Amino acid sequence: MDDKKAAYDIRTILHEMREEYWQGLSEVEALPEEELECITFVLGGETYAFETSHAAEVIRIPRLVKVPGVQEIIAGVFNLRGEIIAALDIRPLLGLPQLPLDGTGRIIVVKSEKFATGILTEAVQGVTGLPLGSFEPPLKSLTGARREYIRGQMTRDGNMFMLLDIVKLLAAPEIMVDRR
């Protein structure tokens, strides 16, 4: 009976189970950080991003037709499969230098609730997940419209990302055409 008692000591088993339980509670499992799936692109030599849910597609810059009497921010219009789309150069709105657009330049077609438009970029880097918790408020040194349209900023792998508030940007009075 002693052999049976030694092999099956309930106190020892319960003690081991309690230790395993408390050890499991003390180990904090890292929850996956919530990420924003963003399209990243270059404006004025800086990297910007916004949520991919607002981007419909990325295209090469087609021939743009200038429209007289519209705001400077509207670089022209183009035909995208039968739909006339305005191409916006938002760099002046953000206070960025207007570097020349070369072969790497692209248009990100953005669809809002009311209309579709294209945003001219110097280059599109791609789609990436950016950790939402890593974004910080915009620098206080950013002023005016540039600060108004930026939701946050972060540094990852030595690169600074500025998260645009694309919904607010598309509602800006500077890009609306007066329909009188």
Protein backbone atom coordinates (compact mmCIF):
# COMPACT_ATOMS: atom_id res chain seq x y z
CA MET A 1 0.00 0.00 0.00
CA ASP A 2 2.93 2.32 0.60
CA ASP A 3 4.01 1.89 -3.05
CA LYS A 4 0.53 2.88 -4.19
CA LYS A 5 0.53 5.87 -1.83
CA ALA A 6 3.96 7.05 -3.06
CA ALA A 7 2.89 6.81 -6.71
CA TYR A 8 -0.35 8.66 -6.10
CA ASP A 9 0.21 11.47 -3.58
CA ILE A 10 -2.70 13.83 -4.10
CA ARG A 11 -1.05 16.65 -2.15
CA THR A 12 2.00 16.61 -4.40
CA ILE A 13 -0.13 16.53 -7.53
CA LEU A 14 -2.31 19.42 -6.34
CA HIS A 15 0.77 21.41 -5.36
CA GLU A 16 2.28 20.91 -8.83
CA MET A 17 -0.98 21.87 -10.49
CA ARG A 18 -1.21 25.04 -8.37
CA GLU A 19 2.35 26.01 -9.28
CA GLU A 20 1.67 25.50 -13.00
CA TYR A 21 -1.51 27.56 -12.73
CA TRP A 22 0.22 30.51 -11.04
CA GLN A 23 3.15 30.33 -13.43
CA GLY A 24 0.73 30.51 -16.36
CA LEU A 25 -0.93 33.58 -14.88
CA SER A 26 2.37 35.33 -14.25
CA GLU A 27 3.51 34.86 -17.85
CA VAL A 28 1.98 37.74 -19.76
CA GLU A 29 1.15 36.79 -23.27
CA ALA A 30 1.89 39.57 -25.70
CA LEU A 31 -1.32 40.45 -27.48
CA PRO A 32 -0.85 41.20 -31.14
CA GLU A 33 -0.77 44.95 -31.57
CA GLU A 34 -3.57 46.40 -33.67
CA GLU A 35 -2.27 47.45 -37.05
CA LEU A 36 -3.57 49.83 -39.67
CA GLU A 37 -3.17 48.52 -43.20
CA CYS A 38 -1.82 51.58 -44.99
CA ILE A 39 -0.64 52.59 -48.41
CA THR A 40 2.70 54.38 -48.08
CA PHE A 41 3.91 56.98 -50.55
CA VAL A 42 6.32 59.89 -50.95
CA LEU A 43 5.36 63.57 -51.01
CA GLY A 44 7.97 66.33 -50.87
CA GLY A 45 10.63 63.73 -50.13
CA GLU A 46 8.80 62.54 -46.97
CA THR A 47 6.89 59.30 -46.39
CA TYR A 48 3.14 59.55 -45.86
CA ALA A 49 0.46 56.93 -45.34
CA PHE A 50 -3.29 56.50 -45.08
CA GLU A 51 -5.61 53.53 -44.65
CA THR A 52 -5.99 51.29 -47.70
CA SER A 53 -9.75 51.23 -47.21
CA HIS A 54 -9.81 54.69 -48.84
CA ALA A 55 -7.60 53.78 -51.80
CA ALA A 56 -9.24 52.23 -54.84
CA GLU A 57 -6.15 51.73 -56.99
CA VAL A 58 -2.71 53.03 -57.94
CA ILE A 59 -2.00 54.05 -61.53
CA ARG A 60 0.80 55.61 -63.55
CA ILE A 61 0.33 59.31 -64.11
CA PRO A 62 -1.65 59.69 -67.36
CA ARG A 63 -1.79 62.80 -69.51
CA LEU A 64 -3.48 65.43 -67.36
CA VAL A 65 -5.76 68.01 -68.97
CA LYS A 66 -5.53 71.40 -67.28
CA VAL A 67 -8.84 72.95 -66.29
CA PRO A 68 -8.98 76.76 -66.34
CA GLY A 69 -10.39 78.64 -63.38
CA VAL A 70 -9.90 75.94 -60.73
CA GLN A 71 -7.74 75.94 -57.65
CA GLU A 72 -3.98 75.48 -58.01
CA ILE A 73 -4.24 72.21 -56.06
CA ILE A 74 -6.13 70.61 -58.96
CA ALA A 75 -3.30 69.64 -61.33
CA GLY A 76 -5.72 68.51 -64.04
CA VAL A 77 -8.25 65.85 -64.93
CA PHE A 78 -7.87 62.45 -66.56
CA ASN A 79 -10.08 59.71 -67.94
CA LEU A 80 -10.12 56.50 -65.90
CA ARG A 81 -12.18 53.90 -67.76
CA GLY A 82 -14.81 56.43 -68.82
CA GLU A 83 -14.90 58.37 -65.53
CA ILE A 84 -13.38 61.86 -65.40
CA ILE A 85 -11.21 62.14 -62.28
CA ALA A 86 -9.48 65.23 -60.87
CA ALA A 87 -5.80 64.83 -60.03
CA LEU A 88 -4.84 66.68 -56.85
CA ASP A 89 -1.36 67.83 -55.95
CA ILE A 90 -1.75 68.12 -52.18
CA ARG A 91 1.88 69.10 -51.57
CA PRO A 92 1.15 72.88 -51.45
CA LEU A 93 -1.74 72.21 -49.05
CA LEU A 94 0.69 70.40 -46.74
CA GLY A 95 3.41 73.04 -47.17
CA LEU A 96 5.72 70.61 -48.98
CA PRO A 97 8.11 71.38 -51.83
CA GLN A 98 6.82 70.41 -55.26
CA LEU A 99 9.60 68.17 -56.50
CA PRO A 100 9.32 67.23 -60.17
CA LEU A 101 7.35 64.06 -60.88
CA ASP A 102 9.37 61.49 -62.84
CA GLY A 103 8.84 57.89 -63.92
CA THR A 104 8.24 56.76 -60.33
CA GLY A 105 5.35 59.19 -59.90
CA ARG A 106 1.94 57.62 -59.38
CA ILE A 107 -1.66 58.58 -58.73
CA ILE A 108 -3.52 56.98 -55.85
CA VAL A 109 -7.20 56.92 -56.79
CA VAL A 110 -9.20 57.65 -53.65
CA LYS A 111 -12.94 57.15 -53.35
CA SER A 112 -14.89 59.13 -50.80
CA GLU A 113 -18.61 59.05 -50.16
CA LYS A 114 -19.25 61.88 -52.61
CA PHE A 115 -16.62 61.55 -55.33
CA ALA A 116 -13.46 59.87 -56.61
CA THR A 117 -10.21 61.76 -57.04
CA GLY A 118 -6.56 61.05 -57.64
CA ILE A 119 -3.69 62.12 -55.42
CA LEU A 120 -0.41 62.79 -57.20
CA THR A 121 2.60 61.21 -55.47
CA GLU A 122 6.31 61.19 -56.20
CA ALA A 123 6.36 57.42 -55.58
CA VAL A 124 4.19 54.72 -54.02
CA GLN A 125 6.16 52.46 -51.69
CA GLY A 126 3.46 49.85 -51.15
CA VAL A 127 0.99 48.54 -48.61
CA THR A 128 2.19 47.86 -45.09
CA GLY A 129 0.75 47.25 -41.64
CA LEU A 130 1.63 50.06 -39.25
CA PRO A 131 1.14 49.46 -35.51
CA LEU A 132 -1.61 51.78 -34.31
CA GLY A 133 -0.10 52.10 -30.83
CA SER A 134 3.21 53.35 -32.25
CA PHE A 135 1.77 56.55 -33.66
CA GLU A 136 2.47 59.74 -31.74
CA PRO A 137 0.70 63.07 -32.07
CA PRO A 138 2.11 65.31 -34.82
CA LEU A 139 5.11 67.43 -33.86
CA LYS A 140 4.26 70.84 -32.49
CA SER A 141 6.67 72.28 -35.03
CA LEU A 142 4.19 71.34 -37.75
CA THR A 143 1.91 74.29 -38.29
CA GLY A 144 -1.30 75.20 -40.04
CA ALA A 145 -2.80 72.89 -42.62
CA ARG A 146 0.08 70.45 -42.42
CA ARG A 147 -0.70 69.73 -38.78
CA GLU A 148 -4.47 69.79 -39.38
CA TYR A 149 -4.38 66.93 -41.90
CA ILE A 150 -1.92 64.69 -40.06
CA ARG A 151 -3.35 62.22 -37.54
CA GLY A 152 -0.02 61.05 -36.21
CA GLN A 153 3.55 60.10 -36.94
CA MET A 154 5.83 57.18 -36.18
CA THR A 155 9.33 55.97 -36.86
CA ARG A 156 9.92 52.38 -37.95
CA ASP A 157 13.19 50.92 -39.21
CA GLY A 158 14.65 54.43 -39.36
CA ASN A 159 11.81 55.76 -41.56
CA MET A 160 9.37 58.44 -40.43
CA PHE A 161 5.74 57.85 -41.45
CA MET A 162 3.16 60.63 -41.36
CA LEU A 163 -0.42 59.30 -41.14
CA LEU A 164 -2.75 61.51 -43.19
CA ASP A 165 -6.34 62.12 -42.20
CA ILE A 166 -7.52 61.46 -45.74
CA VAL A 167 -11.22 61.95 -44.93
CA LYS A 168 -10.55 65.42 -43.51
CA LEU A 169 -8.21 66.22 -46.40
CA LEU A 170 -10.82 65.30 -49.02
CA ALA A 171 -13.36 67.51 -47.26
CA ALA A 172 -10.99 70.53 -47.25
CA PRO A 173 -12.51 73.65 -48.82
CA GLU A 174 -9.30 74.14 -50.83
CA ILE A 175 -10.08 71.11 -53.01
CA MET A 176 -13.78 71.68 -53.53
CA VAL A 177 -14.79 73.23 -56.82
CA ASP A 178 -17.38 75.97 -56.50
CA ARG A 179 -20.52 74.84 -58.41
CA ARG A 180 -22.31 78.07 -59.16
